[in-house]
Amino acid sequence: MIVAKICGGLGNQMFQYAAGYALSKLHKTQLYLDLHELAHDSLRDYSLGVFNIGASVASDEQITSLTKYKVSKFGNKLDKIVSKIGFRYYRNYYRERYFSYDSEFLRLPDDVLIDGYWQSEKYFSTCRDELLSKFKITDGLSGDAHAMLEDIINCKDVTVSIHVRRGDYISDSTANKVHGTCSVEYYENAMNFIEARYQNIKYVLFSDDIEWVLSNLKIHRPYMVVSSENIADYEDMMLMSSCDHQIIANSSFSWWGAWLNPNKEKIVISPEKWFSSGDKDTADLIPLEWIKL
């Protein structure tokens, strides 16, 4: 069995599931989800249940069987020794070592619990078709979201989603220090990039602060506002992925909104700087075919 630790918001949970799914498929074994951290998180809930993933929740016994040696003095000492001599050694608990792609990941054995964010498509790119199917909403869209989808699909213009993430990136001092927000200049440069390639454009706006977007972004093409209290966040993501092209924020949420877009000719524009602090190597975060501005 493979057990994937699930934590964070919807986008993070999708990365964790996708990486776990890829590893379980490699070993032709069952994937289980460790939800213990979410049980103690007052801000985040388990969000993957709306999708067609069919994953089972790991029992306390299954988790304990894989993690009982993770903090042992012997295990830690052995890790240090084998890392110095370059020998590959895996215990049944594997924690993400750094933010960039870890080439050791797909060499992990069966019967392991993976603990990390795994924010690179390199962990699961071989499973793209399966994940596109699994990340479909089981019960379909709500009435308001379905009406928006019809508007997007039937639009005669080229539809381009714009996601502006503010919310906790502004209100939470820690999140602000780590992530920061994308600048107005970034969005204007992204729109200029798109408008240099297409004439008939309709922007589709997604944000947790629509008033700020409408007050600060100079949008010179027709647009429609999607985000509202009547549309769930996962519905926002699905509607985002239904647009022809995407301009994303430094957010795993809009990363997935772009990645789930099946359009092979899509243009995805992402910020060059993903974090405010420069201590994370984000080279493997953005797919090679996306445009970084």
C-alpha atoms as a PDB file:
ATOM      1  CA  MET A   1       0.000   0.000   0.000  1.00  0.00           C
ATOM      2  CA  ILE A   2       0.904   3.642  -0.495  1.00  0.00           C
ATOM      3  CA  VAL A   3      -0.281   6.204   2.063  1.00  0.00           C
ATOM      4  CA  ALA A   4      -0.297   9.892   1.129  1.00  0.00           C
ATOM      5  CA  LYS A   5      -0.428  12.483   3.880  1.00  0.00           C
ATOM      6  CA  ILE A   6      -3.065  15.100   3.049  1.00  0.00           C
ATOM      7  CA  CYS A   7      -2.874  18.676   4.328  1.00  0.00           C
ATOM      8  CA  GLY A   8      -3.347  22.276   3.245  1.00  0.00           C
ATOM      9  CA  GLY A   9      -5.982  23.653   0.905  1.00  0.00           C
ATOM     10  CA  LEU A  10      -7.614  22.118  -2.150  1.00  0.00           C
ATOM     11  CA  GLY A  11      -4.684  22.671  -4.527  1.00  0.00           C
ATOM     12  CA  ASN A  12      -2.149  21.203  -2.094  1.00  0.00           C
ATOM     13  CA  GLN A  13      -4.371  18.202  -1.444  1.00  0.00           C
ATOM     14  CA  MET A  14      -4.605  17.559  -5.183  1.00  0.00           C
ATOM     15  CA  PHE A  15      -0.810  17.570  -5.516  1.00  0.00           C
ATOM     16  CA  GLN A  16      -0.510  15.111  -2.635  1.00  0.00           C
ATOM     17  CA  TYR A  17      -3.178  12.808  -4.026  1.00  0.00           C
ATOM     18  CA  ALA A  18      -1.728  12.923  -7.557  1.00  0.00           C
ATOM     19  CA  ALA A  19       1.772  12.018  -6.372  1.00  0.00           C
ATOM     20  CA  GLY A  20       0.425   9.203  -4.213  1.00  0.00           C
ATOM     21  CA  TYR A  21      -1.716   7.914  -7.067  1.00  0.00           C
ATOM     22  CA  ALA A  22       1.250   7.808  -9.431  1.00  0.00           C
ATOM     23  CA  LEU A  23       3.341   5.878  -6.914  1.00  0.00           C
ATOM     24  CA  SER A  24       0.516   3.439  -6.161  1.00  0.00           C
ATOM     25  CA  LYS A  25      -0.015   2.843  -9.877  1.00  0.00           C
ATOM     26  CA  LEU A  26       3.703   2.174 -10.325  1.00  0.00           C
ATOM     27  CA  HIS A  27       3.528  -0.538  -7.668  1.00  0.00           C
ATOM     28  CA  LYS A  28       0.056  -1.743  -8.717  1.00  0.00           C
ATOM     29  CA  THR A  29      -1.136  -1.339  -5.174  1.00  0.00           C
ATOM     30  CA  GLN A  30      -3.831   0.477  -3.177  1.00  0.00           C
ATOM     31  CA  LEU A  31      -3.592   4.183  -2.298  1.00  0.00           C
ATOM     32  CA  TYR A  32      -4.727   5.326   1.146  1.00  0.00           C
ATOM     33  CA  LEU A  33      -4.986   8.858   2.522  1.00  0.00           C
ATOM     34  CA  ASP A  34      -3.684   9.986   5.906  1.00  0.00           C
ATOM     35  CA  LEU A  35      -6.077  12.703   7.124  1.00  0.00           C
ATOM     36  CA  HIS A  36      -4.758  13.117  10.664  1.00  0.00           C
ATOM     37  CA  GLU A  37      -3.246  16.569  10.145  1.00  0.00           C
ATOM     38  CA  LEU A  38      -6.489  17.938   8.705  1.00  0.00           C
ATOM     39  CA  ALA A  39      -8.355  16.689  11.774  1.00  0.00           C
ATOM     40  CA  HIS A  40      -6.343  19.186  13.838  1.00  0.00           C
ATOM     41  CA  ASP A  41      -6.455  22.041  11.310  1.00  0.00           C
ATOM     42  CA  SER A  42      -9.078  24.642  12.215  1.00  0.00           C
ATOM     43  CA  LEU A  43      -8.698  26.431   8.858  1.00  0.00           C
ATOM     44  CA  ARG A  44      -8.620  23.576   6.356  1.00  0.00           C
ATOM     45  CA  ASP A  45     -10.981  20.700   5.665  1.00  0.00           C
ATOM     46  CA  TYR A  46     -10.666  17.568   3.572  1.00  0.00           C
ATOM     47  CA  SER A  47     -11.625  18.774   0.096  1.00  0.00           C
ATOM     48  CA  LEU A  48     -11.005  15.843  -2.240  1.00  0.00           C
ATOM     49  CA  GLY A  49     -14.310  14.137  -1.481  1.00  0.00           C
ATOM     50  CA  VAL A  50     -16.091  16.079  -4.224  1.00  0.00           C
ATOM     51  CA  PHE A  51     -13.951  14.350  -6.859  1.00  0.00           C
ATOM     52  CA  ASN A  52     -14.189  10.948  -8.471  1.00  0.00           C
ATOM     53  CA  ILE A  53     -11.009   9.667  -6.792  1.00  0.00           C
ATOM     54  CA  GLY A  54     -12.412   6.703  -4.880  1.00  0.00           C
ATOM     55  CA  ALA A  55      -9.572   6.775  -2.332  1.00  0.00           C
ATOM     56  CA  SER A  56      -9.737   5.034   1.029  1.00  0.00           C
ATOM     57  CA  VAL A  57      -8.772   6.638   4.339  1.00  0.00           C
ATOM     58  CA  ALA A  58      -5.852   4.959   6.084  1.00  0.00           C
ATOM     59  CA  SER A  59      -6.571   3.461   9.494  1.00  0.00           C
ATOM     60  CA  ASP A  60      -4.561   4.341  12.595  1.00  0.00           C
ATOM     61  CA  GLU A  61      -3.015   0.870  12.470  1.00  0.00           C
ATOM     62  CA  GLN A  62      -1.883   1.261   8.858  1.00  0.00           C
ATOM     63  CA  ILE A  63      -0.311   4.646   9.558  1.00  0.00           C
ATOM     64  CA  THR A  64       1.421   3.444  12.713  1.00  0.00           C
ATOM     65  CA  SER A  65       2.871   0.438  10.909  1.00  0.00           C
ATOM     66  CA  LEU A  66       4.643   2.775   8.465  1.00  0.00           C
ATOM     67  CA  THR A  67       5.679   5.604  10.764  1.00  0.00           C
ATOM     68  CA  LYS A  68       6.707   3.918  14.007  1.00  0.00           C
ATOM     69  CA  TYR A  69      10.433   4.248  13.201  1.00  0.00           C
ATOM     70  CA  LYS A  70      10.401   7.689  11.612  1.00  0.00           C
ATOM     71  CA  VAL A  71      11.680   9.517  14.697  1.00  0.00           C
ATOM     72  CA  SER A  72      13.839   6.782  16.152  1.00  0.00           C
ATOM     73  CA  LYS A  73      17.465   7.652  16.943  1.00  0.00           C
ATOM     74  CA  PHE A  74      18.616   4.565  15.077  1.00  0.00           C
ATOM     75  CA  GLY A  75      16.621   5.446  11.964  1.00  0.00           C
ATOM     76  CA  ASN A  76      17.867   9.023  11.877  1.00  0.00           C
ATOM     77  CA  LYS A  77      21.463   7.935  12.392  1.00  0.00           C
ATOM     78  CA  LEU A  78      21.195   5.348   9.635  1.00  0.00           C
ATOM     79  CA  ASP A  79      19.763   7.977   7.273  1.00  0.00           C
ATOM     80  CA  LYS A  80      22.809  10.203   7.827  1.00  0.00           C
ATOM     81  CA  ILE A  81      25.267   7.368   7.288  1.00  0.00           C
ATOM     82  CA  VAL A  82      23.786   6.057   4.044  1.00  0.00           C
ATOM     83  CA  SER A  83      23.282   9.548   2.623  1.00  0.00           C
ATOM     84  CA  LYS A  84      27.023  10.208   2.995  1.00  0.00           C
ATOM     85  CA  ILE A  85      28.012   7.096   1.070  1.00  0.00           C
ATOM     86  CA  GLY A  86      25.330   7.613  -1.587  1.00  0.00           C
ATOM     87  CA  PHE A  87      23.550   4.325  -0.914  1.00  0.00           C
ATOM     88  CA  ARG A  88      19.793   4.321  -1.483  1.00  0.00           C
ATOM     89  CA  TYR A  89      17.955   3.398   1.670  1.00  0.00           C
ATOM     90  CA  TYR A  90      14.243   3.817   2.288  1.00  0.00           C
ATOM     91  CA  ARG A  91      12.245   3.380   5.404  1.00  0.00           C
ATOM     92  CA  ASN A  92       8.457   3.103   5.316  1.00  0.00           C
ATOM     93  CA  TYR A  93       8.144   6.848   5.889  1.00  0.00           C
ATOM     94  CA  TYR A  94       9.443   9.300   3.285  1.00  0.00           C
ATOM     95  CA  ARG A  95       9.347  13.033   3.838  1.00  0.00           C
ATOM     96  CA  GLU A  96       9.820  15.522   1.023  1.00  0.00           C
ATOM     97  CA  ARG A  97      13.457  16.614   1.088  1.00  0.00           C
ATOM     98  CA  TYR A  98      13.219  19.853  -0.876  1.00  0.00           C
ATOM     99  CA  PHE A  99      10.731  21.853  -2.946  1.00  0.00           C
ATOM    100  CA  SER A 100      12.111  20.944  -6.370  1.00  0.00           C
ATOM    101  CA  TYR A 101      11.461  17.559  -7.957  1.00  0.00           C
ATOM    102  CA  ASP A 102      12.961  14.668  -6.014  1.00  0.00           C
ATOM    103  CA  SER A 103      14.207  12.048  -8.488  1.00  0.00           C
ATOM    104  CA  GLU A 104      14.232   9.442  -5.698  1.00  0.00           C
ATOM    105  CA  PHE A 105      10.454   9.613  -5.369  1.00  0.00           C
ATOM    106  CA  LEU A 106       9.535   7.125  -8.081  1.00  0.00           C
ATOM    107  CA  ARG A 107      12.167   4.718  -6.727  1.00  0.00           C
ATOM    108  CA  LEU A 108      10.362   4.463  -3.409  1.00  0.00           C
ATOM    109  CA  PRO A 109       9.211   0.949  -2.504  1.00  0.00           C
ATOM    110  CA  ASP A 110       5.717  -0.288  -1.835  1.00  0.00           C
ATOM    111  CA  ASP A 111       4.430   0.073   1.734  1.00  0.00           C
ATOM    112  CA  VAL A 112       5.488   3.654   2.318  1.00  0.00           C
ATOM    113  CA  LEU A 113       3.872   6.811   3.689  1.00  0.00           C
ATOM    114  CA  ILE A 114       4.772   9.941   1.738  1.00  0.00           C
ATOM    115  CA  ASP A 115       4.760  13.265   3.579  1.00  0.00           C
ATOM    116  CA  GLY A 116       5.172  16.438   1.534  1.00  0.00           C
ATOM    117  CA  TYR A 117       3.629  18.816  -1.003  1.00  0.00           C
ATOM    118  CA  TRP A 118       5.080  17.288  -4.215  1.00  0.00           C
ATOM    119  CA  GLN A 119       4.418  20.411  -6.272  1.00  0.00           C
ATOM    120  CA  SER A 120       5.663  19.347  -9.679  1.00  0.00           C
ATOM    121  CA  GLU A 121       3.871  17.542 -12.474  1.00  0.00           C
ATOM    122  CA  LYS A 122       6.999  15.411 -12.856  1.00  0.00           C
ATOM    123  CA  TYR A 123       5.679  13.248 -10.024  1.00  0.00           C
ATOM    124  CA  PHE A 124       2.515  12.340 -11.914  1.00  0.00           C
ATOM    125  CA  SER A 125       2.753  13.440 -15.563  1.00  0.00           C
ATOM    126  CA  THR A 126       2.567   9.813 -16.711  1.00  0.00           C
ATOM    127  CA  CYS A 127      -0.923   9.615 -15.181  1.00  0.00           C
ATOM    128  CA  ARG A 128      -2.391  12.747 -16.752  1.00  0.00           C
ATOM    129  CA  ASP A 129      -5.353  11.075 -18.476  1.00  0.00           C
ATOM    130  CA  GLU A 130      -6.340   9.170 -15.345  1.00  0.00           C
ATOM    131  CA  LEU A 131      -6.059  12.276 -13.160  1.00  0.00           C
ATOM    132  CA  LEU A 132      -8.180  14.336 -15.560  1.00  0.00           C
ATOM    133  CA  SER A 133     -10.868  11.728 -15.046  1.00  0.00           C
ATOM    134  CA  LYS A 134     -10.416  11.406 -11.286  1.00  0.00           C
ATOM    135  CA  PHE A 135     -10.530  15.163 -10.714  1.00  0.00           C
ATOM    136  CA  LYS A 136     -14.038  15.434 -12.109  1.00  0.00           C
ATOM    137  CA  ILE A 137     -16.811  16.513  -9.722  1.00  0.00           C
ATOM    138  CA  THR A 138     -18.841  13.439  -8.804  1.00  0.00           C
ATOM    139  CA  ASP A 139     -22.201  15.175  -8.371  1.00  0.00           C
ATOM    140  CA  GLY A 140     -21.761  17.725 -11.147  1.00  0.00           C
ATOM    141  CA  LEU A 141     -21.946  21.512 -10.887  1.00  0.00           C
ATOM    142  CA  SER A 142     -24.515  23.488  -8.921  1.00  0.00           C
ATOM    143  CA  GLY A 143     -27.118  25.564 -10.754  1.00  0.00           C
ATOM    144  CA  ASP A 144     -25.161  28.841 -10.735  1.00  0.00           C
ATOM    145  CA  ALA A 145     -21.893  27.158 -11.664  1.00  0.00           C
ATOM    146  CA  HIS A 146     -23.556  25.216 -14.476  1.00  0.00           C
ATOM    147  CA  ALA A 147     -25.010  28.433 -15.890  1.00  0.00           C
ATOM    148  CA  MET A 148     -21.524  29.975 -15.836  1.00  0.00           C
ATOM    149  CA  LEU A 149     -20.120  26.918 -17.591  1.00  0.00           C
ATOM    150  CA  GLU A 150     -22.702  27.294 -20.356  1.00  0.00           C
ATOM    151  CA  ASP A 151     -21.696  30.937 -20.786  1.00  0.00           C
ATOM    152  CA  ILE A 152     -18.018  29.984 -21.034  1.00  0.00           C
ATOM    153  CA  ILE A 153     -18.548  27.087 -23.435  1.00  0.00           C
ATOM    154  CA  ASN A 154     -20.923  29.014 -25.698  1.00  0.00           C
ATOM    155  CA  CYS A 155     -18.809  32.166 -25.784  1.00  0.00           C
ATOM    156  CA  LYS A 156     -17.792  32.998 -29.366  1.00  0.00           C
ATOM    157  CA  ASP A 157     -14.721  34.879 -28.177  1.00  0.00           C
ATOM    158  CA  VAL A 158     -11.479  33.377 -26.885  1.00  0.00           C
ATOM    159  CA  THR A 159     -11.968  32.867 -23.152  1.00  0.00           C
ATOM    160  CA  VAL A 160      -9.064  33.606 -20.809  1.00  0.00           C
ATOM    161  CA  SER A 161      -9.357  32.993 -17.090  1.00  0.00           C
ATOM    162  CA  ILE A 162      -7.644  35.391 -14.705  1.00  0.00           C
ATOM    163  CA  HIS A 163      -7.154  34.261 -11.123  1.00  0.00           C
ATOM    164  CA  VAL A 164      -6.227  36.832  -8.483  1.00  0.00           C
ATOM    165  CA  ARG A 165      -5.382  35.342  -5.078  1.00  0.00           C
ATOM    166  CA  ARG A 166      -5.583  37.729  -2.138  1.00  0.00           C
ATOM    167  CA  GLY A 167      -7.529  36.584   0.936  1.00  0.00           C
ATOM    168  CA  ASP A 168      -5.136  34.945   3.397  1.00  0.00           C
ATOM    169  CA  TYR A 169      -2.186  36.108   1.275  1.00  0.00           C
ATOM    170  CA  ILE A 170      -3.118  39.569   2.571  1.00  0.00           C
ATOM    171  CA  SER A 171      -4.776  38.957   5.946  1.00  0.00           C
ATOM    172  CA  ASP A 172      -2.363  36.293   7.258  1.00  0.00           C
ATOM    173  CA  SER A 173       1.037  37.834   8.014  1.00  0.00           C
ATOM    174  CA  THR A 174       2.820  34.491   7.682  1.00  0.00           C
ATOM    175  CA  ALA A 175       1.198  33.691   4.331  1.00  0.00           C
ATOM    176  CA  ASN A 176       1.955  37.212   3.131  1.00  0.00           C
ATOM    177  CA  LYS A 177       5.618  36.877   4.082  1.00  0.00           C
ATOM    178  CA  VAL A 178       5.964  33.511   2.358  1.00  0.00           C
ATOM    179  CA  HIS A 179       3.790  34.012  -0.728  1.00  0.00           C
ATOM    180  CA  GLY A 180       3.062  37.689  -1.250  1.00  0.00           C
ATOM    181  CA  THR A 181       0.683  38.613  -4.071  1.00  0.00           C
ATOM    182  CA  CYS A 182       1.113  39.027  -7.798  1.00  0.00           C
ATOM    183  CA  SER A 183       1.493  42.648  -8.878  1.00  0.00           C
ATOM    184  CA  VAL A 184      -0.866  44.646 -11.046  1.00  0.00           C
ATOM    185  CA  GLU A 185       2.015  44.899 -13.518  1.00  0.00           C
ATOM    186  CA  TYR A 186       2.170  41.097 -13.784  1.00  0.00           C
ATOM    187  CA  TYR A 187      -1.494  40.855 -14.738  1.00  0.00           C
ATOM    188  CA  GLU A 188      -1.266  43.731 -17.209  1.00  0.00           C
ATOM    189  CA  ASN A 189       1.795  42.176 -18.863  1.00  0.00           C
ATOM    190  CA  ALA A 190      -0.016  38.849 -19.051  1.00  0.00           C
ATOM    191  CA  MET A 191      -3.069  40.441 -20.675  1.00  0.00           C
ATOM    192  CA  ASN A 192      -0.828  42.259 -23.150  1.00  0.00           C
ATOM    193  CA  PHE A 193       0.804  38.935 -24.025  1.00  0.00           C
ATOM    194  CA  ILE A 194      -2.576  37.359 -24.737  1.00  0.00           C
ATOM    195  CA  GLU A 195      -3.942  40.377 -26.602  1.00  0.00           C
ATOM    196  CA  ALA A 196      -0.934  40.405 -28.913  1.00  0.00           C
ATOM    197  CA  ARG A 197      -2.034  36.959 -30.100  1.00  0.00           C
ATOM    198  CA  TYR A 198      -5.825  37.138 -30.088  1.00  0.00           C
ATOM    199  CA  GLN A 199      -8.247  39.893 -31.050  1.00  0.00           C
ATOM    200  CA  ASN A 200     -11.621  38.681 -29.813  1.00  0.00           C
ATOM    201  CA  ILE A 201     -11.059  37.977 -26.121  1.00  0.00           C
ATOM    202  CA  LYS A 202     -13.334  37.623 -23.143  1.00  0.00           C
ATOM    203  CA  TYR A 203     -11.720  37.510 -19.729  1.00  0.00           C
ATOM    204  CA  VAL A 204     -13.241  35.283 -17.057  1.00  0.00           C
ATOM    205  CA  LEU A 205     -12.437  36.623 -13.591  1.00  0.00           C
ATOM    206  CA  PHE A 206     -11.841  34.510 -10.499  1.00  0.00           C
ATOM    207  CA  SER A 207     -10.831  35.973  -7.148  1.00  0.00           C
ATOM    208  CA  ASP A 208     -11.529  36.017  -3.428  1.00  0.00           C
ATOM    209  CA  ASP A 209     -11.532  39.824  -3.735  1.00  0.00           C
ATOM    210  CA  ILE A 210     -13.397  40.736  -6.916  1.00  0.00           C
ATOM    211  CA  GLU A 211     -13.846  44.357  -5.819  1.00  0.00           C
ATOM    212  CA  TRP A 212     -10.063  44.789  -5.690  1.00  0.00           C
ATOM    213  CA  VAL A 213      -9.715  43.228  -9.134  1.00  0.00           C
ATOM    214  CA  LEU A 214     -12.275  45.519 -10.733  1.00  0.00           C
ATOM    215  CA  SER A 215     -10.801  48.567  -9.019  1.00  0.00           C
ATOM    216  CA  ASN A 216      -7.139  47.887  -9.795  1.00  0.00           C
ATOM    217  CA  LEU A 217      -6.802  45.932 -13.038  1.00  0.00           C
ATOM    218  CA  LYS A 218      -7.195  47.819 -16.305  1.00  0.00           C
ATOM    219  CA  ILE A 219      -9.167  45.353 -18.374  1.00  0.00           C
ATOM    220  CA  HIS A 220      -9.574  46.536 -21.965  1.00  0.00           C
ATOM    221  CA  ARG A 221     -11.618  43.604 -23.255  1.00  0.00           C
ATOM    222  CA  PRO A 222     -15.057  42.255 -22.331  1.00  0.00           C
ATOM    223  CA  TYR A 223     -15.125  40.226 -19.144  1.00  0.00           C
ATOM    224  CA  MET A 224     -17.393  38.184 -16.915  1.00  0.00           C
ATOM    225  CA  VAL A 225     -17.123  37.694 -13.159  1.00  0.00           C
ATOM    226  CA  VAL A 226     -17.473  34.100 -11.976  1.00  0.00           C
ATOM    227  CA  SER A 227     -16.489  33.953  -8.305  1.00  0.00           C
ATOM    228  CA  SER A 228     -19.398  34.444  -5.930  1.00  0.00           C
ATOM    229  CA  GLU A 229     -20.774  33.108  -2.656  1.00  0.00           C
ATOM    230  CA  ASN A 230     -23.056  30.773  -4.626  1.00  0.00           C
ATOM    231  CA  ILE A 231     -20.187  28.952  -6.344  1.00  0.00           C
ATOM    232  CA  ALA A 232     -17.909  26.597  -4.387  1.00  0.00           C
ATOM    233  CA  ASP A 233     -14.144  26.844  -4.687  1.00  0.00           C
ATOM    234  CA  TYR A 234     -13.828  23.504  -6.483  1.00  0.00           C
ATOM    235  CA  GLU A 235     -16.452  24.717  -8.959  1.00  0.00           C
ATOM    236  CA  ASP A 236     -14.349  27.835  -9.539  1.00  0.00           C
ATOM    237  CA  MET A 237     -11.437  25.558 -10.393  1.00  0.00           C
ATOM    238  CA  MET A 238     -13.464  23.500 -12.847  1.00  0.00           C
ATOM    239  CA  LEU A 239     -14.820  26.645 -14.523  1.00  0.00           C
ATOM    240  CA  MET A 240     -11.290  28.028 -14.718  1.00  0.00           C
ATOM    241  CA  SER A 241     -10.133  24.879 -16.487  1.00  0.00           C
ATOM    242  CA  SER A 242     -12.986  25.238 -19.001  1.00  0.00           C
ATOM    243  CA  CYS A 243     -11.557  28.470 -20.420  1.00  0.00           C
ATOM    244  CA  ASP A 244      -9.370  28.378 -23.519  1.00  0.00           C
ATOM    245  CA  HIS A 245      -6.338  29.927 -21.775  1.00  0.00           C
ATOM    246  CA  GLN A 246      -5.277  30.836 -18.228  1.00  0.00           C
ATOM    247  CA  ILE A 247      -3.497  33.651 -16.398  1.00  0.00           C
ATOM    248  CA  ILE A 248      -2.754  32.210 -12.977  1.00  0.00           C
ATOM    249  CA  ALA A 249      -1.690  33.540  -9.595  1.00  0.00           C
ATOM    250  CA  ASN A 250       1.122  32.188  -7.407  1.00  0.00           C
ATOM    251  CA  SER A 251      -1.354  29.677  -6.061  1.00  0.00           C
ATOM    252  CA  SER A 252      -1.632  25.896  -6.287  1.00  0.00           C
ATOM    253  CA  PHE A 253      -5.367  26.448  -6.751  1.00  0.00           C
ATOM    254  CA  SER A 254      -5.019  28.231 -10.074  1.00  0.00           C
ATOM    255  CA  TRP A 255      -2.082  25.962 -11.017  1.00  0.00           C
ATOM    256  CA  TRP A 256      -4.588  23.135 -11.071  1.00  0.00           C
ATOM    257  CA  GLY A 257      -7.175  25.270 -12.852  1.00  0.00           C
ATOM    258  CA  ALA A 258      -4.652  25.567 -15.682  1.00  0.00           C
ATOM    259  CA  TRP A 259      -3.276  22.012 -15.559  1.00  0.00           C
ATOM    260  CA  LEU A 260      -6.767  20.493 -15.810  1.00  0.00           C
ATOM    261  CA  ASN A 261      -7.491  22.443 -18.996  1.00  0.00           C
ATOM    262  CA  PRO A 262      -7.476  19.738 -21.726  1.00  0.00           C
ATOM    263  CA  ASN A 263      -6.904  22.258 -24.544  1.00  0.00           C
ATOM    264  CA  LYS A 264      -3.648  21.183 -26.204  1.00  0.00           C
ATOM    265  CA  GLU A 265      -3.201  24.671 -27.681  1.00  0.00           C
ATOM    266  CA  LYS A 266      -3.687  26.494 -24.386  1.00  0.00           C
ATOM    267  CA  ILE A 267      -1.535  29.388 -23.277  1.00  0.00           C
ATOM    268  CA  VAL A 268      -0.871  29.412 -19.543  1.00  0.00           C
ATOM    269  CA  ILE A 269       0.846  32.439 -18.052  1.00  0.00           C
ATOM    270  CA  SER A 270       2.279  32.137 -14.564  1.00  0.00           C
ATOM    271  CA  PRO A 271       4.335  34.468 -12.350  1.00  0.00           C
ATOM    272  CA  GLU A 272       8.096  34.078 -12.562  1.00  0.00           C
ATOM    273  CA  LYS A 273       8.343  34.687  -8.816  1.00  0.00           C
ATOM    274  CA  TRP A 274       6.190  32.207  -6.922  1.00  0.00           C
ATOM    275  CA  PHE A 275       7.294  33.024  -3.361  1.00  0.00           C
ATOM    276  CA  SER A 276       8.205  36.297  -1.670  1.00  0.00           C
ATOM    277  CA  SER A 277      11.186  34.637  -0.045  1.00  0.00           C
ATOM    278  CA  GLY A 278      13.810  33.204  -2.364  1.00  0.00           C
ATOM    279  CA  ASP A 279      14.792  30.065  -0.473  1.00  0.00           C
ATOM    280  CA  LYS A 280      12.744  27.583  -2.546  1.00  0.00           C
ATOM    281  CA  ASP A 281      13.837  26.205  -5.906  1.00  0.00           C
ATOM    282  CA  THR A 282      10.717  26.486  -8.085  1.00  0.00           C
ATOM    283  CA  ALA A 283      12.354  25.306 -11.310  1.00  0.00           C
ATOM    284  CA  ASP A 284      10.185  22.169 -11.445  1.00  0.00           C
ATOM    285  CA  LEU A 285       6.933  23.801 -10.328  1.00  0.00           C
ATOM    286  CA  ILE A 286       5.880  25.370 -13.630  1.00  0.00           C
ATOM    287  CA  PRO A 287       5.517  23.022 -16.645  1.00  0.00           C
ATOM    288  CA  LEU A 288       7.985  23.815 -19.415  1.00  0.00           C
ATOM    289  CA  GLU A 289       5.325  24.846 -21.940  1.00  0.00           C
ATOM    290  CA  TRP A 290       3.829  27.501 -19.660  1.00  0.00           C
ATOM    291  CA  ILE A 291       4.912  31.122 -19.987  1.00  0.00           C
ATOM    292  CA  LYS A 292       6.560  32.747 -16.968  1.00  0.00           C
ATOM    293  CA  LEU A 293       6.345  36.541 -16.644  1.00  0.00           C
END
